[in-house]
């Protein structure tokens, strides 16, 4: 819309007049863009956050910066590929997402050469790679109808987890869970979604600690 600003005015006016409904508001796109993580670490942002909020960001958000030589030490990122993941700021479906621990050193160098300093024509970010927690999962039996009985998997294998916590109007509403056998969790990398059930119950803290 910003790229075609003049042509978009009719839509903008219709939204302002509440004559058209959007599936996802303009504001919703802001939090979808991964540049948000980079903004959280800026001094300008932290200047208006309270200490508790700053601590929350530091404890829960991986360090994020633009993959530009004036923003990060590219030599350090080149030399320590397992510590980093590179991705575009505003794509989805794991498009052009590269976890350093899944690449050879040569492949990692090629990714940096291709995408650093906005050489692709749009910005990329680099984030500290957080090793996902794993759960034993029975992989989907793709092509099960064509396999003999002995070839059907029956033992679980460790799958990486990626969980999204969703709020609506300030209240927790649910979890979107994805699992996959590779560092980057997406459909193209054999990833899958998993049902998540939230249970409200009273738990004895002593028992919870034992578990």
N, C-alpha and C. Protein backbone atom coordinates (compact mmCIF):
# COMPACT_ATOMS: atom_id res chain seq x y z
N UNK A 1 0.82 -1.19 0.00
CA UNK A 1 0.00 0.00 0.00
C UNK A 1 0.86 1.26 0.00
N UNK A 2 1.95 1.22 0.76
CA UNK A 2 2.85 2.38 0.80
C UNK A 2 3.54 2.58 -0.54
N UNK A 3 3.83 1.48 -1.22
CA UNK A 3 4.49 1.58 -2.51
C UNK A 3 3.58 2.24 -3.55
N UNK A 4 2.27 2.00 -3.43
CA UNK A 4 1.29 2.59 -4.36
C UNK A 4 0.36 3.52 -3.57
N UNK A 5 0.96 4.52 -2.92
CA UNK A 5 0.24 5.38 -1.98
C UNK A 5 -0.92 6.11 -2.64
N UNK A 6 -0.68 6.74 -3.78
CA UNK A 6 -1.74 7.52 -4.43
C UNK A 6 -2.90 6.63 -4.84
N UNK A 7 -2.58 5.45 -5.38
CA UNK A 7 -3.64 4.54 -5.82
C UNK A 7 -4.40 3.93 -4.65
N UNK A 8 -3.84 4.01 -3.44
CA UNK A 8 -4.46 3.38 -2.27
C UNK A 8 -5.42 4.28 -1.52
N UNK A 9 -5.52 5.54 -1.92
CA UNK A 9 -6.30 6.49 -1.13
C UNK A 9 -7.77 6.11 -1.02
N UNK A 10 -8.34 5.54 -2.07
CA UNK A 10 -9.76 5.16 -2.01
C UNK A 10 -9.98 4.09 -0.93
N UNK A 11 -9.06 3.13 -0.85
CA UNK A 11 -9.17 2.10 0.17
C UNK A 11 -9.00 2.70 1.57
N UNK A 12 -8.03 3.58 1.72
CA UNK A 12 -7.78 4.20 3.03
C UNK A 12 -9.01 4.99 3.49
N UNK A 13 -9.59 5.75 2.59
CA UNK A 13 -10.78 6.53 2.95
C UNK A 13 -11.95 5.61 3.29
N UNK A 14 -12.08 4.51 2.57
CA UNK A 14 -13.16 3.56 2.87
C UNK A 14 -12.99 2.94 4.25
N UNK A 15 -11.74 2.65 4.62
CA UNK A 15 -11.48 2.09 5.95
C UNK A 15 -11.81 3.13 7.02
N UNK A 16 -11.38 4.37 6.81
CA UNK A 16 -11.67 5.43 7.77
C UNK A 16 -13.18 5.63 7.95
N UNK A 17 -13.92 5.49 6.86
CA UNK A 17 -15.38 5.67 6.92
C UNK A 17 -16.10 4.41 7.37
N UNK A 18 -15.32 3.36 7.68
CA UNK A 18 -15.87 2.08 8.12
C UNK A 18 -16.85 1.51 7.08
N UNK A 19 -16.48 1.67 5.80
CA UNK A 19 -17.29 1.15 4.70
C UNK A 19 -16.74 -0.16 4.13
N UNK A 20 -15.58 -0.56 4.65
CA UNK A 20 -14.98 -1.80 4.18
C UNK A 20 -14.33 -2.50 5.38
N UNK A 21 -14.38 -3.81 5.38
CA UNK A 21 -13.77 -4.58 6.47
C UNK A 21 -12.44 -5.16 6.01
N UNK A 22 -11.45 -5.08 6.86
CA UNK A 22 -10.15 -5.67 6.57
C UNK A 22 -9.96 -6.93 7.41
N UNK A 23 -9.46 -7.97 6.80
CA UNK A 23 -9.09 -9.16 7.56
C UNK A 23 -7.66 -8.95 8.01
N UNK A 24 -7.50 -8.40 9.22
CA UNK A 24 -6.20 -7.97 9.70
C UNK A 24 -6.05 -6.48 9.44
N UNK A 25 -5.90 -5.71 10.50
CA UNK A 25 -5.85 -4.26 10.35
C UNK A 25 -4.48 -3.80 9.87
N UNK A 26 -4.40 -2.50 9.48
CA UNK A 26 -3.10 -1.94 9.12
C UNK A 26 -2.13 -2.08 10.29
N UNK A 27 -2.64 -1.85 11.51
CA UNK A 27 -1.77 -1.93 12.70
C UNK A 27 -1.24 -3.33 12.90
N UNK A 28 -2.01 -4.33 12.51
CA UNK A 28 -1.58 -5.72 12.70
C UNK A 28 -0.32 -6.05 11.94
N UNK A 29 -0.10 -5.37 10.82
CA UNK A 29 1.08 -5.68 10.02
C UNK A 29 2.36 -5.21 10.72
N UNK A 30 2.25 -4.22 11.57
CA UNK A 30 3.43 -3.71 12.27
C UNK A 30 4.04 -4.80 13.15
N UNK A 31 3.22 -5.50 13.90
CA UNK A 31 3.75 -6.53 14.80
C UNK A 31 4.12 -7.80 14.05
N UNK A 32 3.68 -7.92 12.80
CA UNK A 32 4.07 -9.08 11.98
C UNK A 32 5.48 -8.91 11.44
N UNK A 33 5.89 -7.68 11.22
CA UNK A 33 7.20 -7.41 10.64
C UNK A 33 8.29 -7.63 11.69
N UNK A 34 9.29 -8.43 11.33
CA UNK A 34 10.33 -8.81 12.29
C UNK A 34 11.24 -7.65 12.68
N UNK A 35 11.12 -6.50 11.98
CA UNK A 35 11.88 -5.34 12.42
C UNK A 35 11.48 -4.91 13.82
N UNK A 36 10.30 -5.33 14.25
CA UNK A 36 9.84 -4.98 15.60
C UNK A 36 10.85 -5.44 16.65
N UNK A 37 11.44 -6.62 16.45
CA UNK A 37 12.41 -7.13 17.43
C UNK A 37 13.64 -6.23 17.49
N UNK A 38 14.06 -5.72 16.32
CA UNK A 38 15.21 -4.82 16.29
C UNK A 38 14.89 -3.52 17.01
N UNK A 39 13.67 -3.03 16.82
CA UNK A 39 13.25 -1.77 17.45
C UNK A 39 13.26 -1.88 18.97
N UNK A 40 12.91 -3.05 19.50
CA UNK A 40 12.84 -3.23 20.95
C UNK A 40 14.18 -2.97 21.64
N UNK A 41 15.28 -3.15 20.92
CA UNK A 41 16.60 -2.99 21.53
C UNK A 41 17.17 -1.59 21.33
N UNK A 42 16.47 -0.75 20.60
CA UNK A 42 16.99 0.58 20.33
C UNK A 42 16.95 1.44 21.60
N UNK A 43 17.95 2.32 21.81
CA UNK A 43 17.93 3.23 22.97
C UNK A 43 16.69 4.10 22.99
N UNK A 44 16.20 4.50 21.79
CA UNK A 44 15.00 5.34 21.73
C UNK A 44 13.78 4.61 22.30
N UNK A 45 13.73 3.30 22.10
CA UNK A 45 12.62 2.52 22.64
C UNK A 45 12.79 2.31 24.14
N UNK A 46 13.98 1.92 24.54
CA UNK A 46 14.20 1.62 25.95
C UNK A 46 14.11 2.86 26.82
N UNK A 47 14.21 4.05 26.21
CA UNK A 47 14.09 5.29 26.97
C UNK A 47 12.71 5.46 27.58
N UNK A 48 11.67 4.91 26.95
CA UNK A 48 10.33 5.07 27.52
C UNK A 48 9.78 3.77 28.13
N UNK A 49 10.60 2.70 28.15
CA UNK A 49 10.20 1.47 28.83
C UNK A 49 10.64 1.53 30.29
N UNK A 50 9.83 0.94 31.15
CA UNK A 50 10.24 0.86 32.55
C UNK A 50 11.24 -0.28 32.71
N UNK A 51 11.92 -0.34 33.85
CA UNK A 51 12.96 -1.34 34.07
C UNK A 51 12.41 -2.76 33.91
N UNK A 52 11.21 -2.99 34.38
CA UNK A 52 10.60 -4.32 34.29
C UNK A 52 10.40 -4.72 32.83
N UNK A 53 10.00 -3.77 31.99
CA UNK A 53 9.78 -4.06 30.57
C UNK A 53 11.09 -4.32 29.85
N UNK A 54 12.12 -3.55 30.20
CA UNK A 54 13.44 -3.76 29.59
C UNK A 54 13.97 -5.14 29.95
N UNK A 55 13.81 -5.55 31.20
CA UNK A 55 14.25 -6.87 31.63
C UNK A 55 13.50 -7.97 30.88
N UNK A 56 12.20 -7.74 30.66
CA UNK A 56 11.39 -8.72 29.93
C UNK A 56 11.90 -8.89 28.51
N UNK A 57 12.22 -7.79 27.85
CA UNK A 57 12.75 -7.85 26.48
C UNK A 57 14.07 -8.61 26.47
N UNK A 58 14.96 -8.28 27.39
CA UNK A 58 16.28 -8.91 27.42
C UNK A 58 16.19 -10.40 27.70
N UNK A 59 15.21 -10.80 28.50
CA UNK A 59 15.08 -12.21 28.89
C UNK A 59 14.34 -13.05 27.86
N UNK A 60 13.51 -12.43 27.04
CA UNK A 60 12.64 -13.22 26.17
C UNK A 60 12.83 -13.00 24.67
N UNK A 61 13.50 -11.94 24.28
CA UNK A 61 13.65 -11.64 22.85
C UNK A 61 15.11 -11.84 22.45
N UNK A 62 15.39 -12.69 21.46
CA UNK A 62 16.78 -12.84 21.03
C UNK A 62 17.30 -11.55 20.41
N UNK A 63 18.57 -11.27 20.66
CA UNK A 63 19.17 -10.06 20.11
C UNK A 63 18.97 -10.03 18.60
N UNK A 64 18.46 -8.91 18.10
CA UNK A 64 18.11 -8.79 16.68
C UNK A 64 18.67 -7.48 16.12
N UNK A 65 19.23 -7.55 14.93
CA UNK A 65 19.75 -6.34 14.28
C UNK A 65 19.67 -6.52 12.77
N UNK A 66 19.72 -5.41 12.04
CA UNK A 66 19.76 -5.49 10.59
C UNK A 66 21.10 -6.09 10.16
N UNK A 67 21.06 -6.89 9.11
CA UNK A 67 22.27 -7.54 8.59
C UNK A 67 23.03 -6.55 7.71
N UNK A 68 23.45 -5.46 8.34
CA UNK A 68 24.19 -4.41 7.65
C UNK A 68 25.49 -4.15 8.40
N UNK A 69 26.54 -3.85 7.65
CA UNK A 69 27.85 -3.69 8.28
C UNK A 69 27.92 -2.50 9.22
N UNK A 70 26.99 -1.54 9.09
CA UNK A 70 26.98 -0.42 10.02
C UNK A 70 26.14 -0.71 11.26
N UNK A 71 25.54 -1.91 11.32
CA UNK A 71 24.71 -2.31 12.46
C UNK A 71 25.32 -3.44 13.28
N UNK A 72 26.03 -4.35 12.61
CA UNK A 72 26.57 -5.54 13.28
C UNK A 72 28.00 -5.80 12.81
N UNK A 73 28.68 -6.66 13.53
CA UNK A 73 30.02 -7.09 13.16
C UNK A 73 29.89 -8.30 12.24
N UNK A 74 29.91 -8.05 10.93
CA UNK A 74 29.71 -9.14 9.97
C UNK A 74 30.79 -10.21 10.09
N UNK A 75 32.01 -9.81 10.42
CA UNK A 75 33.09 -10.78 10.54
C UNK A 75 32.79 -11.77 11.68
N UNK A 76 32.26 -11.26 12.78
CA UNK A 76 31.92 -12.15 13.90
C UNK A 76 30.81 -13.11 13.51
N UNK A 77 29.82 -12.62 12.76
CA UNK A 77 28.70 -13.46 12.34
C UNK A 77 29.19 -14.52 11.35
N UNK A 78 30.10 -14.15 10.48
CA UNK A 78 30.68 -15.11 9.54
C UNK A 78 31.40 -16.23 10.28
N UNK A 79 32.13 -15.85 11.32
CA UNK A 79 33.00 -16.81 12.01
C UNK A 79 32.26 -17.69 13.02
N UNK A 80 31.04 -17.32 13.37
CA UNK A 80 30.31 -18.05 14.41
C UNK A 80 28.90 -18.39 13.94
N UNK A 81 28.81 -19.14 12.86
CA UNK A 81 27.54 -19.37 12.19
C UNK A 81 26.50 -20.05 13.08
N UNK A 82 26.94 -20.94 13.98
CA UNK A 82 25.98 -21.68 14.80
C UNK A 82 25.24 -20.79 15.80
N UNK A 83 25.73 -19.58 16.01
CA UNK A 83 25.10 -18.67 16.96
C UNK A 83 23.98 -17.84 16.35
N UNK A 84 23.80 -17.93 15.01
CA UNK A 84 22.95 -16.95 14.35
C UNK A 84 21.94 -17.59 13.39
N UNK A 85 20.87 -16.82 13.14
CA UNK A 85 19.90 -17.16 12.10
C UNK A 85 19.61 -15.89 11.32
N UNK A 86 19.55 -16.01 10.01
CA UNK A 86 19.33 -14.87 9.12
C UNK A 86 17.99 -15.03 8.44
N UNK A 87 17.23 -13.93 8.36
CA UNK A 87 15.90 -14.00 7.74
C UNK A 87 15.50 -12.62 7.21
N UNK A 88 14.60 -12.58 6.21
CA UNK A 88 14.08 -11.28 5.77
C UNK A 88 13.16 -10.71 6.83
N UNK A 89 12.98 -9.40 6.82
CA UNK A 89 12.17 -8.79 7.88
C UNK A 89 10.69 -9.08 7.72
N UNK A 90 10.23 -9.26 6.48
CA UNK A 90 8.78 -9.26 6.28
C UNK A 90 8.30 -10.35 5.32
N UNK A 91 8.88 -11.53 5.40
CA UNK A 91 8.36 -12.65 4.62
C UNK A 91 7.76 -13.66 5.58
N UNK A 92 7.23 -14.73 5.03
CA UNK A 92 6.65 -15.78 5.86
C UNK A 92 6.87 -17.13 5.19
N UNK A 93 6.52 -18.21 5.89
CA UNK A 93 6.71 -19.54 5.33
C UNK A 93 8.16 -19.95 5.26
N UNK A 94 9.00 -19.36 6.12
CA UNK A 94 10.44 -19.67 6.17
C UNK A 94 11.14 -19.35 4.85
N UNK A 95 10.60 -18.39 4.09
CA UNK A 95 11.22 -17.97 2.84
C UNK A 95 12.54 -17.27 3.14
N UNK A 96 13.64 -17.81 2.58
CA UNK A 96 14.98 -17.24 2.77
C UNK A 96 15.36 -17.11 4.24
N UNK A 97 14.98 -18.09 5.05
CA UNK A 97 15.41 -18.17 6.45
C UNK A 97 16.53 -19.19 6.54
N UNK A 98 17.65 -18.78 7.15
CA UNK A 98 18.84 -19.64 7.18
C UNK A 98 19.39 -19.72 8.59
N UNK A 99 19.34 -20.90 9.18
CA UNK A 99 19.96 -21.16 10.48
C UNK A 99 21.39 -21.59 10.23
N UNK A 100 22.33 -20.91 10.86
CA UNK A 100 23.73 -21.20 10.61
C UNK A 100 24.13 -22.62 10.93
N UNK A 101 23.51 -23.21 11.97
CA UNK A 101 23.90 -24.57 12.35
C UNK A 101 23.43 -25.63 11.36
N UNK A 102 22.61 -25.23 10.38
CA UNK A 102 22.14 -26.18 9.36
C UNK A 102 22.91 -26.04 8.06
N UNK A 103 23.89 -25.13 8.03
CA UNK A 103 24.64 -24.86 6.80
C UNK A 103 26.12 -25.14 6.99
N UNK A 104 26.78 -25.42 5.89
CA UNK A 104 28.24 -25.50 5.93
C UNK A 104 28.79 -24.08 6.00
N UNK A 105 30.07 -23.96 6.35
CA UNK A 105 30.67 -22.63 6.42
C UNK A 105 30.61 -21.93 5.07
N UNK A 106 30.83 -22.67 4.00
CA UNK A 106 30.78 -22.07 2.67
C UNK A 106 29.37 -21.57 2.34
N UNK A 107 28.36 -22.36 2.67
CA UNK A 107 26.97 -21.94 2.42
C UNK A 107 26.62 -20.71 3.23
N UNK A 108 27.08 -20.68 4.49
CA UNK A 108 26.82 -19.54 5.37
C UNK A 108 27.45 -18.26 4.80
N UNK A 109 28.67 -18.38 4.31
CA UNK A 109 29.34 -17.23 3.70
C UNK A 109 28.54 -16.72 2.50
N UNK A 110 28.00 -17.63 1.71
CA UNK A 110 27.23 -17.24 0.53
C UNK A 110 25.96 -16.50 0.93
N UNK A 111 25.30 -16.95 2.01
CA UNK A 111 24.09 -16.29 2.48
C UNK A 111 24.40 -14.85 2.88
N UNK A 112 25.47 -14.66 3.64
CA UNK A 112 25.85 -13.30 4.07
C UNK A 112 26.19 -12.43 2.87
N UNK A 113 26.95 -12.98 1.93
CA UNK A 113 27.33 -12.21 0.75
C UNK A 113 26.10 -11.81 -0.07
N UNK A 114 25.10 -12.67 -0.09
CA UNK A 114 23.91 -12.41 -0.91
C UNK A 114 22.95 -11.42 -0.27
N UNK A 115 22.85 -11.43 1.07
CA UNK A 115 21.78 -10.67 1.71
C UNK A 115 22.24 -9.52 2.61
N UNK A 116 23.51 -9.46 2.96
CA UNK A 116 23.96 -8.36 3.82
C UNK A 116 23.86 -7.04 3.08
N UNK A 117 23.67 -5.97 3.86
CA UNK A 117 23.61 -4.61 3.31
C UNK A 117 22.52 -4.44 2.26
N UNK A 118 21.43 -5.20 2.43
CA UNK A 118 20.23 -5.09 1.58
C UNK A 118 20.54 -5.33 0.11
N UNK A 119 21.48 -6.24 -0.16
CA UNK A 119 21.84 -6.52 -1.56
C UNK A 119 20.70 -7.17 -2.33
N UNK A 120 19.76 -7.80 -1.61
CA UNK A 120 18.63 -8.44 -2.27
C UNK A 120 17.56 -7.43 -2.68
N UNK A 121 17.72 -6.18 -2.24
CA UNK A 121 16.73 -5.16 -2.57
C UNK A 121 15.74 -4.91 -1.44
N UNK A 122 15.86 -5.66 -0.37
CA UNK A 122 15.01 -5.46 0.81
C UNK A 122 15.82 -5.90 2.03
N UNK A 123 15.44 -5.43 3.23
CA UNK A 123 16.28 -5.67 4.41
C UNK A 123 16.19 -7.09 4.97
N UNK A 124 17.31 -7.53 5.52
CA UNK A 124 17.39 -8.79 6.26
C UNK A 124 17.82 -8.48 7.69
N UNK A 125 17.43 -9.36 8.59
CA UNK A 125 17.89 -9.24 9.96
C UNK A 125 18.70 -10.48 10.34
N UNK A 126 19.49 -10.33 11.39
CA UNK A 126 20.22 -11.44 11.97
C UNK A 126 19.82 -11.52 13.44
N UNK A 127 19.53 -12.73 13.91
CA UNK A 127 19.11 -12.95 15.29
C UNK A 127 19.98 -14.01 15.95
N UNK A 128 20.15 -13.86 17.26
CA UNK A 128 20.76 -14.94 18.01
C UNK A 128 19.91 -16.19 17.85
N UNK A 129 20.54 -17.31 17.53
CA UNK A 129 19.79 -18.55 17.37
C UNK A 129 19.51 -19.16 18.74
N UNK A 130 18.25 -19.38 19.02
CA UNK A 130 17.83 -20.01 20.28
C UNK A 130 17.51 -21.46 19.99
N UNK A 131 18.22 -22.38 20.61
CA UNK A 131 17.98 -23.79 20.38
C UNK A 131 16.59 -24.18 20.90
N UNK A 132 15.70 -24.64 20.03
CA UNK A 132 14.35 -24.99 20.48
C UNK A 132 14.36 -26.18 21.44
N UNK A 133 13.37 -26.22 22.34
CA UNK A 133 13.24 -27.42 23.17
C UNK A 133 12.63 -28.51 22.31
N UNK A 134 12.91 -29.74 22.69
CA UNK A 134 12.48 -30.89 21.88
C UNK A 134 11.47 -31.74 22.63
N UNK A 135 10.58 -32.33 21.87
CA UNK A 135 9.64 -33.31 22.42
C UNK A 135 9.65 -34.53 21.51
N UNK A 136 9.46 -35.70 22.10
CA UNK A 136 9.39 -36.92 21.31
C UNK A 136 8.08 -36.91 20.51
N UNK A 137 8.22 -37.08 19.22
CA UNK A 137 7.07 -36.97 18.31
C UNK A 137 7.09 -38.14 17.33
N UNK A 138 5.92 -38.66 17.04
CA UNK A 138 5.80 -39.68 16.02
C UNK A 138 5.66 -38.99 14.67
N UNK A 139 6.65 -39.10 13.79
CA UNK A 139 6.60 -38.36 12.53
C UNK A 139 5.41 -38.77 11.68
N UNK A 140 4.89 -37.85 10.87
CA UNK A 140 3.78 -38.21 9.98
C UNK A 140 4.21 -39.32 9.02
N UNK A 141 3.32 -40.23 8.75
CA UNK A 141 3.62 -41.35 7.84
C UNK A 141 3.21 -40.98 6.42
N UNK A 142 4.06 -40.15 5.78
CA UNK A 142 3.78 -39.79 4.40
C UNK A 142 3.87 -41.02 3.51
N UNK A 143 2.87 -41.23 2.67
CA UNK A 143 2.87 -42.38 1.78
C UNK A 143 2.66 -43.70 2.48
N UNK A 144 1.96 -43.67 3.63
CA UNK A 144 1.77 -44.89 4.40
C UNK A 144 1.05 -45.98 3.61
N UNK A 145 0.17 -45.55 2.70
CA UNK A 145 -0.60 -46.54 1.92
C UNK A 145 0.28 -47.29 0.93
N UNK A 146 1.50 -46.81 0.70
CA UNK A 146 2.38 -47.47 -0.26
C UNK A 146 3.51 -48.25 0.43
N UNK A 147 3.56 -48.21 1.76
CA UNK A 147 4.65 -48.85 2.48
C UNK A 147 4.24 -50.22 3.05
N UNK A 148 5.19 -51.14 3.10
CA UNK A 148 4.91 -52.39 3.81
C UNK A 148 4.84 -52.14 5.31
N UNK A 149 4.21 -53.03 6.05
CA UNK A 149 4.01 -52.83 7.49
C UNK A 149 5.32 -52.54 8.22
N UNK A 150 6.37 -53.21 7.87
CA UNK A 150 7.62 -53.05 8.59
C UNK A 150 8.29 -51.70 8.36
N UNK A 151 7.85 -50.95 7.34
CA UNK A 151 8.48 -49.68 7.02
C UNK A 151 7.76 -48.49 7.65
N UNK A 152 6.63 -48.75 8.31
CA UNK A 152 5.88 -47.67 8.95
C UNK A 152 6.53 -47.35 10.30
N UNK A 153 6.86 -46.08 10.51
CA UNK A 153 7.54 -45.68 11.74
C UNK A 153 6.64 -45.88 12.95
N UNK A 154 7.21 -46.40 14.02
CA UNK A 154 6.43 -46.62 15.24
C UNK A 154 7.14 -46.07 16.47
N UNK A 155 8.37 -45.60 16.31
CA UNK A 155 9.11 -45.04 17.44
C UNK A 155 9.21 -43.53 17.30
N UNK A 156 9.00 -42.78 18.39
CA UNK A 156 9.09 -41.32 18.32
C UNK A 156 10.53 -40.86 18.14
N UNK A 157 10.68 -39.66 17.57
CA UNK A 157 11.99 -39.03 17.40
C UNK A 157 11.90 -37.61 17.94
N UNK A 158 13.02 -37.01 18.37
CA UNK A 158 12.98 -35.65 18.91
C UNK A 158 12.65 -34.62 17.83
N UNK A 159 11.62 -33.82 18.07
CA UNK A 159 11.23 -32.74 17.16
C UNK A 159 11.41 -31.40 17.88
N UNK A 160 11.89 -30.40 17.14
CA UNK A 160 12.00 -29.05 17.67
C UNK A 160 10.62 -28.41 17.77
N UNK A 161 10.44 -27.56 18.78
CA UNK A 161 9.15 -26.91 19.02
C UNK A 161 9.24 -25.41 18.77
N UNK A 162 8.16 -24.85 18.23
CA UNK A 162 8.02 -23.41 18.06
C UNK A 162 6.58 -23.06 18.43
N UNK A 163 6.44 -22.30 19.52
CA UNK A 163 5.10 -22.01 20.04
C UNK A 163 4.81 -20.52 19.99
N UNK A 164 3.63 -20.18 19.50
CA UNK A 164 3.18 -18.80 19.48
C UNK A 164 2.08 -18.61 20.50
N UNK A 165 2.24 -17.62 21.39
CA UNK A 165 1.23 -17.33 22.42
C UNK A 165 0.41 -16.13 21.95
N UNK A 166 -0.89 -16.29 21.90
CA UNK A 166 -1.75 -15.27 21.32
C UNK A 166 -2.66 -14.62 22.36
N UNK A 167 -2.73 -13.29 22.25
CA UNK A 167 -3.61 -12.52 23.12
C UNK A 167 -4.61 -11.76 22.27
N UNK A 168 -5.79 -11.52 22.83
CA UNK A 168 -6.79 -10.70 22.17
C UNK A 168 -7.42 -9.80 23.22
N UNK A 169 -7.40 -8.48 22.93
CA UNK A 169 -7.89 -7.51 23.90
C UNK A 169 -7.21 -7.66 25.26
N UNK A 170 -5.91 -7.97 25.23
CA UNK A 170 -5.14 -8.05 26.46
C UNK A 170 -5.27 -9.33 27.24
N UNK A 171 -6.00 -10.30 26.70
CA UNK A 171 -6.19 -11.56 27.43
C UNK A 171 -5.63 -12.73 26.61
N UNK A 172 -5.01 -13.66 27.31
CA UNK A 172 -4.47 -14.85 26.66
C UNK A 172 -5.60 -15.67 26.05
N UNK A 173 -5.42 -16.08 24.78
CA UNK A 173 -6.48 -16.80 24.09
C UNK A 173 -6.07 -18.17 23.57
N UNK A 174 -4.78 -18.45 23.48
CA UNK A 174 -4.42 -19.77 22.98
C UNK A 174 -3.00 -19.85 22.48
N UNK A 175 -2.64 -21.06 22.01
CA UNK A 175 -1.28 -21.36 21.57
C UNK A 175 -1.32 -21.94 20.16
N UNK A 176 -0.40 -21.46 19.32
CA UNK A 176 -0.21 -22.06 18.00
C UNK A 176 1.13 -22.78 18.05
N UNK A 177 1.08 -24.10 17.94
CA UNK A 177 2.29 -24.92 18.10
C UNK A 177 2.71 -25.53 16.77
N UNK A 178 4.00 -25.40 16.49
CA UNK A 178 4.58 -26.04 15.32
C UNK A 178 5.76 -26.91 15.77
N UNK A 179 5.98 -28.00 15.06
CA UNK A 179 7.08 -28.90 15.36
C UNK A 179 7.79 -29.27 14.07
N UNK A 180 9.08 -29.60 14.19
CA UNK A 180 9.82 -30.01 13.00
C UNK A 180 11.15 -30.65 13.37
N UNK A 181 11.68 -31.48 12.49
CA UNK A 181 12.94 -32.18 12.78
C UNK A 181 14.18 -31.36 12.48
N UNK A 182 14.00 -30.15 11.89
CA UNK A 182 15.16 -29.33 11.49
C UNK A 182 15.20 -28.01 12.26
N UNK A 183 16.30 -27.30 12.12
CA UNK A 183 16.49 -26.04 12.86
C UNK A 183 15.45 -25.00 12.48
N UNK A 184 15.11 -24.93 11.19
CA UNK A 184 14.06 -24.03 10.73
C UNK A 184 12.76 -24.81 10.64
N UNK A 185 11.76 -24.37 11.38
CA UNK A 185 10.52 -25.13 11.49
C UNK A 185 9.49 -24.55 10.54
N UNK A 186 9.19 -25.30 9.48
CA UNK A 186 8.20 -24.86 8.51
C UNK A 186 7.76 -26.07 7.69
N UNK A 187 6.70 -25.88 6.94
CA UNK A 187 6.15 -26.98 6.14
C UNK A 187 7.18 -27.51 5.16
N UNK A 188 7.96 -26.61 4.54
CA UNK A 188 8.94 -27.03 3.55
C UNK A 188 10.05 -27.87 4.16
N UNK A 189 10.24 -27.77 5.48
CA UNK A 189 11.27 -28.54 6.18
C UNK A 189 10.67 -29.65 7.02
N UNK A 190 9.59 -30.25 6.52
CA UNK A 190 8.92 -31.37 7.19
C UNK A 190 8.27 -30.95 8.51
N UNK A 191 8.01 -29.66 8.65
CA UNK A 191 7.34 -29.19 9.86
C UNK A 191 5.85 -29.47 9.82
N UNK A 192 5.22 -29.37 10.96
CA UNK A 192 3.78 -29.61 11.05
C UNK A 192 3.22 -28.81 12.22
N UNK A 193 1.92 -28.60 12.19
CA UNK A 193 1.24 -27.97 13.32
C UNK A 193 0.75 -29.05 14.26
N UNK A 194 0.58 -28.68 15.52
CA UNK A 194 0.15 -29.64 16.52
C UNK A 194 -0.94 -29.03 17.39
N UNK A 195 -1.90 -29.82 17.75
CA UNK A 195 -2.98 -29.34 18.61
C UNK A 195 -2.43 -28.96 19.98
N UNK A 196 -2.89 -27.84 20.51
CA UNK A 196 -2.47 -27.38 21.84
C UNK A 196 -3.73 -27.19 22.68
N UNK A 197 -3.77 -27.80 23.83
CA UNK A 197 -4.93 -27.74 24.70
C UNK A 197 -4.55 -27.02 25.99
N UNK A 198 -5.26 -25.94 26.30
CA UNK A 198 -5.02 -25.18 27.52
C UNK A 198 -5.97 -25.70 28.60
N UNK A 199 -5.43 -26.09 29.74
CA UNK A 199 -6.23 -26.65 30.83
C UNK A 199 -6.15 -25.72 32.03
N UNK A 200 -7.30 -25.21 32.46
CA UNK A 200 -7.36 -24.39 33.68
C UNK A 200 -7.57 -25.32 34.87
N UNK A 201 -6.64 -25.29 35.80
CA UNK A 201 -6.77 -26.16 36.96
C UNK A 201 -5.90 -25.61 38.08
N UNK A 202 -6.18 -26.04 39.29
CA UNK A 202 -5.38 -25.66 40.45
C UNK A 202 -4.26 -26.69 40.62
N UNK A 203 -3.03 -26.21 40.75
CA UNK A 203 -1.90 -27.09 40.87
C UNK A 203 -1.16 -26.79 42.17
N UNK A 204 -0.86 -27.82 42.94
CA UNK A 204 -0.07 -27.67 44.15
C UNK A 204 1.37 -27.32 43.73
N UNK A 205 1.91 -26.15 44.14
CA UNK A 205 3.25 -25.76 43.72
C UNK A 205 4.31 -26.79 44.03
N UNK A 206 4.17 -27.47 45.17
CA UNK A 206 5.15 -28.50 45.53
C UNK A 206 5.15 -29.64 44.54
N UNK A 207 3.95 -30.03 44.09
CA UNK A 207 3.85 -31.11 43.11
C UNK A 207 4.40 -30.66 41.76
N UNK A 208 4.10 -29.41 41.38
CA UNK A 208 4.59 -28.88 40.11
C UNK A 208 6.11 -28.87 40.06
N UNK A 209 6.76 -28.53 41.19
CA UNK A 209 8.21 -28.49 41.23
C UNK A 209 8.79 -29.90 41.09
N UNK A 210 8.11 -30.88 41.67
CA UNK A 210 8.58 -32.26 41.56
C UNK A 210 8.52 -32.74 40.11
N UNK A 211 7.44 -32.33 39.38
CA UNK A 211 7.29 -32.73 38.00
C UNK A 211 8.37 -32.09 37.15
